[in-house]
PDB file of N, CA and C in Angstrom:
ATOM      1  N   MET A   1    -112.342 -38.028  26.401  1.00  0.00           N
ATOM      2  CA  MET A   1    -113.115 -39.102  25.815  1.00  0.00           C
ATOM      3  C   MET A   1    -113.330 -40.201  26.843  1.00  0.00           C
ATOM      4  N   SER A   2    -114.437 -40.866  26.702  1.00  0.00           N
ATOM      5  CA  SER A   2    -114.766 -41.951  27.604  1.00  0.00           C
ATOM      6  C   SER A   2    -114.922 -43.244  26.805  1.00  0.00           C
ATOM      7  N   TYR A   3    -113.901 -44.062  26.848  1.00  0.00           N
ATOM      8  CA  TYR A   3    -113.932 -45.332  26.126  1.00  0.00           C
ATOM      9  C   TYR A   3    -114.668 -46.380  26.949  1.00  0.00           C
ATOM     10  N   LEU A   4    -115.439 -47.220  26.273  1.00  0.00           N
ATOM     11  CA  LEU A   4    -116.174 -48.303  26.910  1.00  0.00           C
ATOM     12  C   LEU A   4    -115.609 -49.632  26.441  1.00  0.00           C
ATOM     13  N   LYS A   5    -115.509 -50.588  27.353  1.00  0.00           N
ATOM     14  CA  LYS A   5    -115.016 -51.911  26.972  1.00  0.00           C
ATOM     15  C   LYS A   5    -116.046 -52.581  26.070  1.00  0.00           C
ATOM     16  N   ALA A   6    -115.590 -52.995  24.894  1.00  0.00           N
ATOM     17  CA  ALA A   6    -116.483 -53.603  23.908  1.00  0.00           C
ATOM     18  C   ALA A   6    -116.389 -55.124  23.908  1.00  0.00           C
ATOM     19  N   CYS A   7    -115.159 -55.645  24.031  1.00  0.00           N
ATOM     20  CA  CYS A   7    -114.953 -57.089  24.008  1.00  0.00           C
ATOM     21  C   CYS A   7    -113.491 -57.386  24.324  1.00  0.00           C
ATOM     22  N   ALA A   8    -113.193 -58.657  24.440  1.00  0.00           N
ATOM     23  CA  ALA A   8    -111.796 -59.074  24.550  1.00  0.00           C
ATOM     24  C   ALA A   8    -111.199 -59.064  23.151  1.00  0.00           C
ATOM     25  N   GLU A   9    -109.928 -58.731  23.055  1.00  0.00           N
ATOM     26  CA  GLU A   9    -109.269 -58.703  21.750  1.00  0.00           C
ATOM     27  C   GLU A   9    -109.372 -60.066  21.059  1.00  0.00           C
ATOM     28  N   GLY A  10    -109.328 -61.141  21.831  1.00  0.00           N
ATOM     29  CA  GLY A  10    -109.423 -62.486  21.282  1.00  0.00           C
ATOM     30  C   GLY A  10    -110.788 -62.826  20.699  1.00  0.00           C
ATOM     31  N   ASP A  11    -111.803 -62.005  21.000  1.00  0.00           N
ATOM     32  CA  ASP A  11    -113.137 -62.236  20.432  1.00  0.00           C
ATOM     33  C   ASP A  11    -113.224 -61.817  18.971  1.00  0.00           C
ATOM     34  N   LEU A  12    -112.242 -61.051  18.509  1.00  0.00           N
ATOM     35  CA  LEU A  12    -112.258 -60.563  17.123  1.00  0.00           C
ATOM     36  C   LEU A  12    -111.434 -61.481  16.224  1.00  0.00           C
ATOM     37  N   HIS A  13    -112.041 -61.896  15.138  1.00  0.00           N
ATOM     38  CA  HIS A  13    -111.380 -62.747  14.155  1.00  0.00           C
ATOM     39  C   HIS A  13    -111.288 -61.979  12.841  1.00  0.00           C
ATOM     40  N   GLU A  14    -110.199 -62.161  12.138  1.00  0.00           N
ATOM     41  CA  GLU A  14    -109.922 -61.426  10.905  1.00  0.00           C
ATOM     42  C   GLU A  14    -111.117 -61.432   9.956  1.00  0.00           C
ATOM     43  N   ASP A  15    -111.526 -60.236   9.530  1.00  0.00           N
ATOM     44  CA  ASP A  15    -112.596 -60.038   8.543  1.00  0.00           C
ATOM     45  C   ASP A  15    -113.942 -60.628   8.951  1.00  0.00           C
ATOM     46  N   THR A  16    -114.161 -60.787  10.249  1.00  0.00           N
ATOM     47  CA  THR A  16    -115.436 -61.307  10.755  1.00  0.00           C
ATOM     48  C   THR A  16    -116.065 -60.260  11.670  1.00  0.00           C
ATOM     49  N   PRO A  17    -117.144 -59.621  11.233  1.00  0.00           N
ATOM     50  CA  PRO A  17    -117.775 -58.579  12.046  1.00  0.00           C
ATOM     51  C   PRO A  17    -118.325 -59.131  13.363  1.00  0.00           C
ATOM     52  N   LEU A  18    -118.252 -58.291  14.399  1.00  0.00           N
ATOM     53  CA  LEU A  18    -118.805 -58.625  15.708  1.00  0.00           C
ATOM     54  C   LEU A  18    -119.686 -57.460  16.156  1.00  0.00           C
ATOM     55  N   ARG A  19    -120.956 -57.757  16.458  1.00  0.00           N
ATOM     56  CA  ARG A  19    -121.888 -56.719  16.897  1.00  0.00           C
ATOM     57  C   ARG A  19    -121.862 -56.616  18.415  1.00  0.00           C
ATOM     58  N   VAL A  20    -121.760 -55.376  18.905  1.00  0.00           N
ATOM     59  CA  VAL A  20    -121.858 -55.082  20.333  1.00  0.00           C
ATOM     60  C   VAL A  20    -122.776 -53.868  20.482  1.00  0.00           C
ATOM     61  N   VAL A  21    -123.284 -53.668  21.678  1.00  0.00           N
ATOM     62  CA  VAL A  21    -124.087 -52.479  21.970  1.00  0.00           C
ATOM     63  C   VAL A  21    -123.427 -51.766  23.143  1.00  0.00           C
ATOM     64  N   LEU A  22    -123.084 -50.494  22.937  1.00  0.00           N
ATOM     65  CA  LEU A  22    -122.408 -49.689  23.946  1.00  0.00           C
ATOM     66  C   LEU A  22    -123.218 -48.422  24.189  1.00  0.00           C
ATOM     67  N   ASP A  23    -123.672 -48.221  25.409  1.00  0.00           N
ATOM     68  CA  ASP A  23    -124.526 -47.062  25.724  1.00  0.00           C
ATOM     69  C   ASP A  23    -125.700 -46.953  24.751  1.00  0.00           C
ATOM     70  N   ASP A  24    -126.352 -48.064  24.473  1.00  0.00           N
ATOM     71  CA  ASP A  24    -127.496 -48.138  23.563  1.00  0.00           C
ATOM     72  C   ASP A  24    -127.144 -47.845  22.106  1.00  0.00           C
ATOM     73  N   VAL A  25    -125.874 -47.831  21.765  1.00  0.00           N
ATOM     74  CA  VAL A  25    -125.441 -47.608  20.389  1.00  0.00           C
ATOM     75  C   VAL A  25    -124.986 -48.946  19.805  1.00  0.00           C
ATOM     76  N   PRO A  26    -125.638 -49.416  18.723  1.00  0.00           N
ATOM     77  CA  PRO A  26    -125.192 -50.651  18.085  1.00  0.00           C
ATOM     78  C   PRO A  26    -123.915 -50.391  17.275  1.00  0.00           C
ATOM     79  N   VAL A  27    -122.898 -51.210  17.516  1.00  0.00           N
ATOM     80  CA  VAL A  27    -121.588 -51.013  16.896  1.00  0.00           C
ATOM     81  C   VAL A  27    -121.125 -52.331  16.285  1.00  0.00           C
ATOM     82  N   THR A  28    -120.533 -52.250  15.106  1.00  0.00           N
ATOM     83  CA  THR A  28    -119.879 -53.395  14.493  1.00  0.00           C
ATOM     84  C   THR A  28    -118.378 -53.217  14.658  1.00  0.00           C
ATOM     85  N   LEU A  29    -117.730 -54.217  15.232  1.00  0.00           N
ATOM     86  CA  LEU A  29    -116.274 -54.229  15.358  1.00  0.00           C
ATOM     87  C   LEU A  29    -115.708 -55.150  14.294  1.00  0.00           C
ATOM     88  N   VAL A  30    -114.600 -54.724  13.673  1.00  0.00           N
ATOM     89  CA  VAL A  30    -113.959 -55.539  12.642  1.00  0.00           C
ATOM     90  C   VAL A  30    -112.456 -55.451  12.792  1.00  0.00           C
ATOM     91  N   ARG A  31    -111.811 -56.624  12.801  1.00  0.00           N
ATOM     92  CA  ARG A  31    -110.356 -56.683  12.705  1.00  0.00           C
ATOM     93  C   ARG A  31    -110.034 -57.028  11.249  1.00  0.00           C
ATOM     94  N   THR A  32    -109.297 -56.132  10.600  1.00  0.00           N
ATOM     95  CA  THR A  32    -108.913 -56.367   9.213  1.00  0.00           C
ATOM     96  C   THR A  32    -107.646 -55.593   8.894  1.00  0.00           C
ATOM     97  N   GLU A  33    -106.827 -56.149   8.048  1.00  0.00           N
ATOM     98  CA  GLU A  33    -105.607 -55.492   7.573  1.00  0.00           C
ATOM     99  C   GLU A  33    -104.753 -54.938   8.716  1.00  0.00           C
ATOM    100  N   GLY A  34    -104.723 -55.655   9.846  1.00  0.00           N
ATOM    101  CA  GLY A  34    -103.856 -55.284  10.953  1.00  0.00           C
ATOM    102  C   GLY A  34    -104.413 -54.262  11.927  1.00  0.00           C
ATOM    103  N   ASP A  35    -105.633 -53.808  11.709  1.00  0.00           N
ATOM    104  CA  ASP A  35    -106.242 -52.816  12.599  1.00  0.00           C
ATOM    105  C   ASP A  35    -107.624 -53.278  13.048  1.00  0.00           C
ATOM    106  N   VAL A  36    -108.142 -52.608  14.072  1.00  0.00           N
ATOM    107  CA  VAL A  36    -109.496 -52.860  14.555  1.00  0.00           C
ATOM    108  C   VAL A  36    -110.302 -51.585  14.335  1.00  0.00           C
ATOM    109  N   TYR A  37    -111.489 -51.752  13.762  1.00  0.00           N
ATOM    110  CA  TYR A  37    -112.357 -50.625  13.439  1.00  0.00           C
ATOM    111  C   TYR A  37    -113.701 -50.788  14.133  1.00  0.00           C
ATOM    112  N   ALA A  38    -114.338 -49.653  14.436  1.00  0.00           N
ATOM    113  CA  ALA A  38    -115.683 -49.639  15.004  1.00  0.00           C
ATOM    114  C   ALA A  38    -116.541 -48.720  14.148  1.00  0.00           C
ATOM    115  N   ILE A  39    -117.653 -49.245  13.669  1.00  0.00           N
ATOM    116  CA  ILE A  39    -118.554 -48.507  12.798  1.00  0.00           C
ATOM    117  C   ILE A  39    -119.976 -48.745  13.294  1.00  0.00           C
ATOM    118  N   ASN A  40    -120.836 -47.754  13.135  1.00  0.00           N
ATOM    119  CA  ASN A  40    -122.222 -47.934  13.555  1.00  0.00           C
ATOM    120  C   ASN A  40    -122.814 -49.133  12.827  1.00  0.00           C
ATOM    121  N   ASP A  41    -123.584 -49.933  13.543  1.00  0.00           N
ATOM    122  CA  ASP A  41    -124.082 -51.195  13.005  1.00  0.00           C
ATOM    123  C   ASP A  41    -125.303 -51.049  12.109  1.00  0.00           C
ATOM    124  N   VAL A  42    -125.817 -49.843  11.908  1.00  0.00           N
ATOM    125  CA  VAL A  42    -127.037 -49.670  11.133  1.00  0.00           C
ATOM    126  C   VAL A  42    -126.724 -49.041   9.773  1.00  0.00           C
ATOM    127  N   CYS A  43    -127.087 -49.755   8.698  1.00  0.00           N
ATOM    128  CA  CYS A  43    -126.896 -49.252   7.337  1.00  0.00           C
ATOM    129  C   CYS A  43    -127.671 -47.949   7.160  1.00  0.00           C
ATOM    130  N   SER A  44    -127.056 -46.973   6.505  1.00  0.00           N
ATOM    131  CA  SER A  44    -127.714 -45.678   6.302  1.00  0.00           C
ATOM    132  C   SER A  44    -128.768 -45.724   5.194  1.00  0.00           C
ATOM    133  N   HIS A  45    -128.806 -46.791   4.436  1.00  0.00           N
ATOM    134  CA  HIS A  45    -129.802 -46.927   3.369  1.00  0.00           C
ATOM    135  C   HIS A  45    -131.039 -47.680   3.849  1.00  0.00           C
ATOM    136  N   ALA A  46    -130.793 -48.780   4.534  1.00  0.00           N
ATOM    137  CA  ALA A  46    -131.898 -49.587   5.064  1.00  0.00           C
ATOM    138  C   ALA A  46    -131.568 -49.898   6.521  1.00  0.00           C
ATOM    139  N   ASN A  47    -132.538 -49.917   7.354  1.00  0.00           N
ATOM    140  CA  ASN A  47    -132.325 -50.093   8.786  1.00  0.00           C
ATOM    141  C   ASN A  47    -132.018 -51.557   9.112  1.00  0.00           C
ATOM    142  N   VAL A  48    -130.853 -52.032   8.654  1.00  0.00           N
ATOM    143  CA  VAL A  48    -130.439 -53.411   8.905  1.00  0.00           C
ATOM    144  C   VAL A  48    -129.029 -53.426   9.478  1.00  0.00           C
ATOM    145  N   SER A  49    -128.675 -54.542  10.085  1.00  0.00           N
ATOM    146  CA  SER A  49    -127.392 -54.680  10.763  1.00  0.00           C
ATOM    147  C   SER A  49    -126.245 -54.906   9.777  1.00  0.00           C
ATOM    148  N   LEU A  50    -125.244 -54.030   9.840  1.00  0.00           N
ATOM    149  CA  LEU A  50    -124.059 -54.209   8.997  1.00  0.00           C
ATOM    150  C   LEU A  50    -123.217 -55.393   9.446  1.00  0.00           C
ATOM    151  N   SER A  51    -123.334 -55.774  10.720  1.00  0.00           N
ATOM    152  CA  SER A  51    -122.504 -56.873  11.226  1.00  0.00           C
ATOM    153  C   SER A  51    -122.844 -58.206  10.570  1.00  0.00           C
ATOM    154  N   GLU A  52    -123.953 -58.281   9.851  1.00  0.00           N
ATOM    155  CA  GLU A  52    -124.318 -59.493   9.132  1.00  0.00           C
ATOM    156  C   GLU A  52    -123.725 -59.523   7.732  1.00  0.00           C
ATOM    157  N   GLY A  53    -123.000 -58.459   7.375  1.00  0.00           N
ATOM    158  CA  GLY A  53    -122.411 -58.366   6.043  1.00  0.00           C
ATOM    159  C   GLY A  53    -121.010 -58.942   5.985  1.00  0.00           C
ATOM    160  N   GLU A  54    -120.393 -58.803   4.815  1.00  0.00           N
ATOM    161  CA  GLU A  54    -119.046 -59.324   4.586  1.00  0.00           C
ATOM    162  C   GLU A  54    -118.030 -58.189   4.550  1.00  0.00           C
ATOM    163  N   VAL A  55    -116.799 -58.529   4.952  1.00  0.00           N
ATOM    164  CA  VAL A  55    -115.705 -57.557   4.991  1.00  0.00           C
ATOM    165  C   VAL A  55    -114.700 -57.885   3.894  1.00  0.00           C
ATOM    166  N   GLU A  56    -114.305 -56.838   3.155  1.00  0.00           N
ATOM    167  CA  GLU A  56    -113.290 -56.999   2.119  1.00  0.00           C
ATOM    168  C   GLU A  56    -112.696 -55.631   1.807  1.00  0.00           C
ATOM    169  N   ASP A  57    -111.387 -55.571   1.635  1.00  0.00           N
ATOM    170  CA  ASP A  57    -110.691 -54.330   1.272  1.00  0.00           C
ATOM    171  C   ASP A  57    -111.025 -53.170   2.209  1.00  0.00           C
ATOM    172  N   CYS A  58    -111.011 -53.427   3.518  1.00  0.00           N
ATOM    173  CA  CYS A  58    -111.262 -52.426   4.551  1.00  0.00           C
ATOM    174  C   CYS A  58    -112.636 -51.770   4.401  1.00  0.00           C
ATOM    175  N   ALA A  59    -113.599 -52.557   3.937  1.00  0.00           N
ATOM    176  CA  ALA A  59    -114.977 -52.088   3.807  1.00  0.00           C
ATOM    177  C   ALA A  59    -115.912 -53.204   4.259  1.00  0.00           C
ATOM    178  N   ILE A  60    -117.105 -52.814   4.691  1.00  0.00           N
ATOM    179  CA  ILE A  60    -118.130 -53.791   5.052  1.00  0.00           C
ATOM    180  C   ILE A  60    -119.301 -53.598   4.100  1.00  0.00           C
ATOM    181  N   GLU A  61    -119.836 -54.708   3.634  1.00  0.00           N
ATOM    182  CA  GLU A  61    -120.944 -54.678   2.680  1.00  0.00           C
ATOM    183  C   GLU A  61    -122.239 -55.047   3.374  1.00  0.00           C
ATOM    184  N   CYS A  62    -123.254 -54.228   3.174  1.00  0.00           N
ATOM    185  CA  CYS A  62    -124.569 -54.516   3.736  1.00  0.00           C
ATOM    186  C   CYS A  62    -125.145 -55.732   3.017  1.00  0.00           C
ATOM    187  N   TRP A  63    -125.629 -56.676   3.785  1.00  0.00           N
ATOM    188  CA  TRP A  63    -126.131 -57.929   3.231  1.00  0.00           C
ATOM    189  C   TRP A  63    -127.421 -57.760   2.445  1.00  0.00           C
ATOM    190  N   LEU A  64    -128.178 -56.681   2.686  1.00  0.00           N
ATOM    191  CA  LEU A  64    -129.496 -56.547   2.076  1.00  0.00           C
ATOM    192  C   LEU A  64    -129.441 -56.015   0.644  1.00  0.00           C
ATOM    193  N   HIS A  65    -128.782 -54.882   0.440  1.00  0.00           N
ATOM    194  CA  HIS A  65    -128.760 -54.269  -0.894  1.00  0.00           C
ATOM    195  C   HIS A  65    -127.355 -54.070  -1.457  1.00  0.00           C
ATOM    196  N   GLY A  66    -126.332 -54.472  -0.713  1.00  0.00           N
ATOM    197  CA  GLY A  66    -124.974 -54.426  -1.242  1.00  0.00           C
ATOM    198  C   GLY A  66    -124.232 -53.118  -1.078  1.00  0.00           C
ATOM    199  N   SER A  67    -124.760 -52.176  -0.305  1.00  0.00           N
ATOM    200  CA  SER A  67    -124.008 -50.943  -0.052  1.00  0.00           C
ATOM    201  C   SER A  67    -122.723 -51.299   0.696  1.00  0.00           C
ATOM    202  N   ARG A  68    -121.615 -50.646   0.322  1.00  0.00           N
ATOM    203  CA  ARG A  68    -120.329 -50.883   0.978  1.00  0.00           C
ATOM    204  C   ARG A  68    -119.900 -49.608   1.685  1.00  0.00           C
ATOM    205  N   PHE A  69    -119.405 -49.775   2.928  1.00  0.00           N
ATOM    206  CA  PHE A  69    -118.969 -48.639   3.735  1.00  0.00           C
ATOM    207  C   PHE A  69    -117.509 -48.824   4.125  1.00  0.00           C
ATOM    208  N   ASP A  70    -116.715 -47.760   3.946  1.00  0.00           N
ATOM    209  CA  ASP A  70    -115.313 -47.771   4.335  1.00  0.00           C
ATOM    210  C   ASP A  70    -115.247 -47.842   5.860  1.00  0.00           C
ATOM    211  N   LEU A  71    -114.521 -48.811   6.401  1.00  0.00           N
ATOM    212  CA  LEU A  71    -114.420 -48.978   7.848  1.00  0.00           C
ATOM    213  C   LEU A  71    -113.666 -47.830   8.513  1.00  0.00           C
ATOM    214  N   ARG A  72    -112.822 -47.124   7.765  1.00  0.00           N
ATOM    215  CA  ARG A  72    -112.033 -46.026   8.324  1.00  0.00           C
ATOM    216  C   ARG A  72    -112.834 -44.734   8.405  1.00  0.00           C
ATOM    217  N   THR A  73    -113.743 -44.503   7.442  1.00  0.00           N
ATOM    218  CA  THR A  73    -114.444 -43.219   7.351  1.00  0.00           C
ATOM    219  C   THR A  73    -115.958 -43.326   7.482  1.00  0.00           C
ATOM    220  N   GLY A  74    -116.508 -44.504   7.234  1.00  0.00           N
ATOM    221  CA  GLY A  74    -117.951 -44.683   7.231  1.00  0.00           C
ATOM    222  C   GLY A  74    -118.618 -44.272   5.934  1.00  0.00           C
ATOM    223  N   ARG A  75    -117.842 -43.779   4.982  1.00  0.00           N
ATOM    224  CA  ARG A  75    -118.411 -43.324   3.721  1.00  0.00           C
ATOM    225  C   ARG A  75    -118.815 -44.498   2.837  1.00  0.00           C
ATOM    226  N   PRO A  76    -119.989 -44.371   2.174  1.00  0.00           N
ATOM    227  CA  PRO A  76    -120.387 -45.416   1.238  1.00  0.00           C
ATOM    228  C   PRO A  76    -119.586 -45.288  -0.053  1.00  0.00           C
ATOM    229  N   SER A  77    -119.327 -46.417  -0.708  1.00  0.00           N
ATOM    230  CA  SER A  77    -118.559 -46.379  -1.957  1.00  0.00           C
ATOM    231  C   SER A  77    -119.461 -46.289  -3.173  1.00  0.00           C
ATOM    232  N   GLY A  78    -120.759 -46.348  -2.972  1.00  0.00           N
ATOM    233  CA  GLY A  78    -121.685 -46.226  -4.104  1.00  0.00           C
ATOM    234  C   GLY A  78    -123.091 -46.584  -3.676  1.00  0.00           C
ATOM    235  N   PRO A  79    -124.047 -46.435  -4.605  1.00  0.00           N
ATOM    236  CA  PRO A  79    -125.436 -46.696  -4.287  1.00  0.00           C
ATOM    237  C   PRO A  79    -125.669 -48.160  -3.890  1.00  0.00           C
ATOM    238  N   PRO A  80    -126.772 -48.425  -3.211  1.00  0.00           N
ATOM    239  CA  PRO A  80    -127.857 -47.480  -2.986  1.00  0.00           C
ATOM    240  C   PRO A  80    -127.630 -46.515  -1.818  1.00  0.00           C
ATOM    241  N   ALA A  81    -126.721 -46.782  -0.915  1.00  0.00           N
ATOM    242  CA  ALA A  81    -126.474 -45.846   0.192  1.00  0.00           C
ATOM    243  C   ALA A  81    -125.769 -44.597  -0.330  1.00  0.00           C
ATOM    244  N   ASN A  82    -126.193 -43.440   0.180  1.00  0.00           N
ATOM    245  CA  ASN A  82    -125.509 -42.202  -0.194  1.00  0.00           C
ATOM    246  C   ASN A  82    -125.115 -41.376   1.022  1.00  0.00           C
ATOM    247  N   LEU A  83    -125.413 -41.877   2.222  1.00  0.00           N
ATOM    248  CA  LEU A  83    -125.032 -41.199   3.461  1.00  0.00           C
ATOM    249  C   LEU A  83    -124.043 -42.064   4.236  1.00  0.00           C
ATOM    250  N   PRO A  84    -123.037 -41.443   4.850  1.00  0.00           N
ATOM    251  CA  PRO A  84    -122.086 -42.215   5.650  1.00  0.00           C
ATOM    252  C   PRO A  84    -122.726 -42.706   6.952  1.00  0.00           C
ATOM    253  N   VAL A  85    -122.081 -43.668   7.576  1.00  0.00           N
ATOM    254  CA  VAL A  85    -122.464 -44.105   8.913  1.00  0.00           C
ATOM    255  C   VAL A  85    -121.339 -43.698   9.861  1.00  0.00           C
ATOM    256  N   PRO A  86    -121.652 -43.429  11.114  1.00  0.00           N
ATOM    257  CA  PRO A  86    -120.614 -42.998  12.062  1.00  0.00           C
ATOM    258  C   PRO A  86    -119.556 -44.077  12.299  1.00  0.00           C
ATOM    259  N   VAL A  87    -118.329 -43.625  12.471  1.00  0.00           N
ATOM    260  CA  VAL A  87    -117.237 -44.495  12.902  1.00  0.00           C
ATOM    261  C   VAL A  87    -116.761 -43.987  14.253  1.00  0.00           C
ATOM    262  N   TYR A  88    -116.153 -44.866  15.033  1.00  0.00           N
ATOM    263  CA  TYR A  88    -115.791 -44.525  16.406  1.00  0.00           C
ATOM    264  C   TYR A  88    -114.326 -44.848  16.672  1.00  0.00           C
ATOM    265  N   PRO A  89    -113.669 -44.035  17.510  1.00  0.00           N
ATOM    266  CA  PRO A  89    -112.289 -44.321  17.893  1.00  0.00           C
ATOM    267  C   PRO A  89    -112.199 -45.638  18.670  1.00  0.00           C
ATOM    268  N   VAL A  90    -111.109 -46.355  18.428  1.00  0.00           N
ATOM    269  CA  VAL A  90    -110.861 -47.652  19.080  1.00  0.00           C
ATOM    270  C   VAL A  90    -109.490 -47.616  19.729  1.00  0.00           C
ATOM    271  N   LYS A  91    -109.387 -48.232  20.900  1.00  0.00           N
ATOM    272  CA  LYS A  91    -108.069 -48.458  21.492  1.00  0.00           C
ATOM    273  C   LYS A  91    -108.066 -49.864  22.080  1.00  0.00           C
ATOM    274  N   ILE A  92    -106.884 -50.446  22.092  1.00  0.00           N
ATOM    275  CA  ILE A  92    -106.706 -51.779  22.660  1.00  0.00           C
ATOM    276  C   ILE A  92    -105.765 -51.649  23.839  1.00  0.00           C
ATOM    277  N   ASP A  93    -106.196 -52.184  24.978  1.00  0.00           N
ATOM    278  CA  ASP A  93    -105.409 -52.062  26.193  1.00  0.00           C
ATOM    279  C   ASP A  93    -105.609 -53.318  27.035  1.00  0.00           C
ATOM    280  N   GLY A  94    -104.521 -53.951  27.407  1.00  0.00           N
ATOM    281  CA  GLY A  94    -104.591 -55.106  28.288  1.00  0.00           C
ATOM    282  C   GLY A  94    -105.405 -56.257  27.744  1.00  0.00           C
ATOM    283  N   GLY A  95    -105.392 -56.436  26.422  1.00  0.00           N
ATOM    284  CA  GLY A  95    -106.130 -57.530  25.809  1.00  0.00           C
ATOM    285  C   GLY A  95    -107.609 -57.262  25.607  1.00  0.00           C
ATOM    286  N   ALA A  96    -108.041 -56.026  25.861  1.00  0.00           N
ATOM    287  CA  ALA A  96    -109.445 -55.659  25.669  1.00  0.00           C
ATOM    288  C   ALA A  96    -109.555 -54.574  24.601  1.00  0.00           C
ATOM    289  N   VAL A  97    -110.705 -54.548  23.935  1.00  0.00           N
ATOM    290  CA  VAL A  97    -110.996 -53.545  22.912  1.00  0.00           C
ATOM    291  C   VAL A  97    -111.958 -52.531  23.515  1.00  0.00           C
ATOM    292  N   TYR A  98    -111.602 -51.258  23.398  1.00  0.00           N
ATOM    293  CA  TYR A  98    -112.415 -50.164  23.928  1.00  0.00           C
ATOM    294  C   TYR A  98    -112.839 -49.261  22.768  1.00  0.00           C
ATOM    295  N   VAL A  99    -114.065 -48.755  22.869  1.00  0.00           N
ATOM    296  CA  VAL A  99    -114.621 -47.906  21.819  1.00  0.00           C
ATOM    297  C   VAL A  99    -115.233 -46.664  22.459  1.00  0.00           C
ATOM    298  N   GLU A 100    -115.049 -45.512  21.819  1.00  0.00           N
ATOM    299  CA  GLU A 100    -115.642 -44.244  22.258  1.00  0.00           C
ATOM    300  C   GLU A 100    -116.861 -43.974  21.381  1.00  0.00           C
ATOM    301  N   VAL A 101    -118.071 -44.167  21.921  1.00  0.00           N
ATOM    302  CA  VAL A 101    -119.275 -43.941  21.134  1.00  0.00           C
ATOM    303  C   VAL A 101    -119.902 -42.581  21.384  1.00  0.00           C
ATOM    304  N   ASN A 102    -119.590 -41.959  22.509  1.00  0.00           N
ATOM    305  CA  ASN A 102    -120.143 -40.650  22.840  1.00  0.00           C
ATOM    306  C   ASN A 102    -119.079 -39.611  22.542  1.00  0.00           C
ATOM    307  N   GLN A 103    -119.157 -39.007  21.358  1.00  0.00           N
ATOM    308  CA  GLN A 103    -118.114 -38.092  20.932  1.00  0.00           C
ATOM    309  C   GLN A 103    -118.472 -36.634  21.140  1.00  0.00           C
ATOM    310  N   GLU A 104    -119.487 -36.370  21.953  1.00  0.00           N
ATOM    311  CA  GLU A 104    -119.861 -34.989  22.234  1.00  0.00           C
ATOM    312  C   GLU A 104    -118.811 -34.356  23.147  1.00  0.00           C
ATOM    313  N   SER A 105    -118.540 -33.107  22.903  1.00  0.00           N
ATOM    314  CA  SER A 105    -117.552 -32.394  23.726  1.00  0.00           C
ATOM    315  C   SER A 105    -118.203 -31.742  24.911  1.00  0.00           C
TER     316      SER A 105
END
């Protein structure tokens, strides 16, 4: 796997999404419930940024139509979205957050 530096760990604030672009892939980073998650920044229902939504109970809610996606799996919890969004492996090393967006073998 090839992890890319996404941000400094200090740039992440509890339950506050942060949008980054890694290898042309828009990613939302979220620190919540003691972990850091990386999820694709584009809602699977409407082509809008998830990083503008709110975080609660390890899920992010799309600001436009209210679809909620589990930060661990990318699965929607109900309509209007019915397709998951990709999630990416995260590691923290030396005060930096790294994300693997290219998961091809």
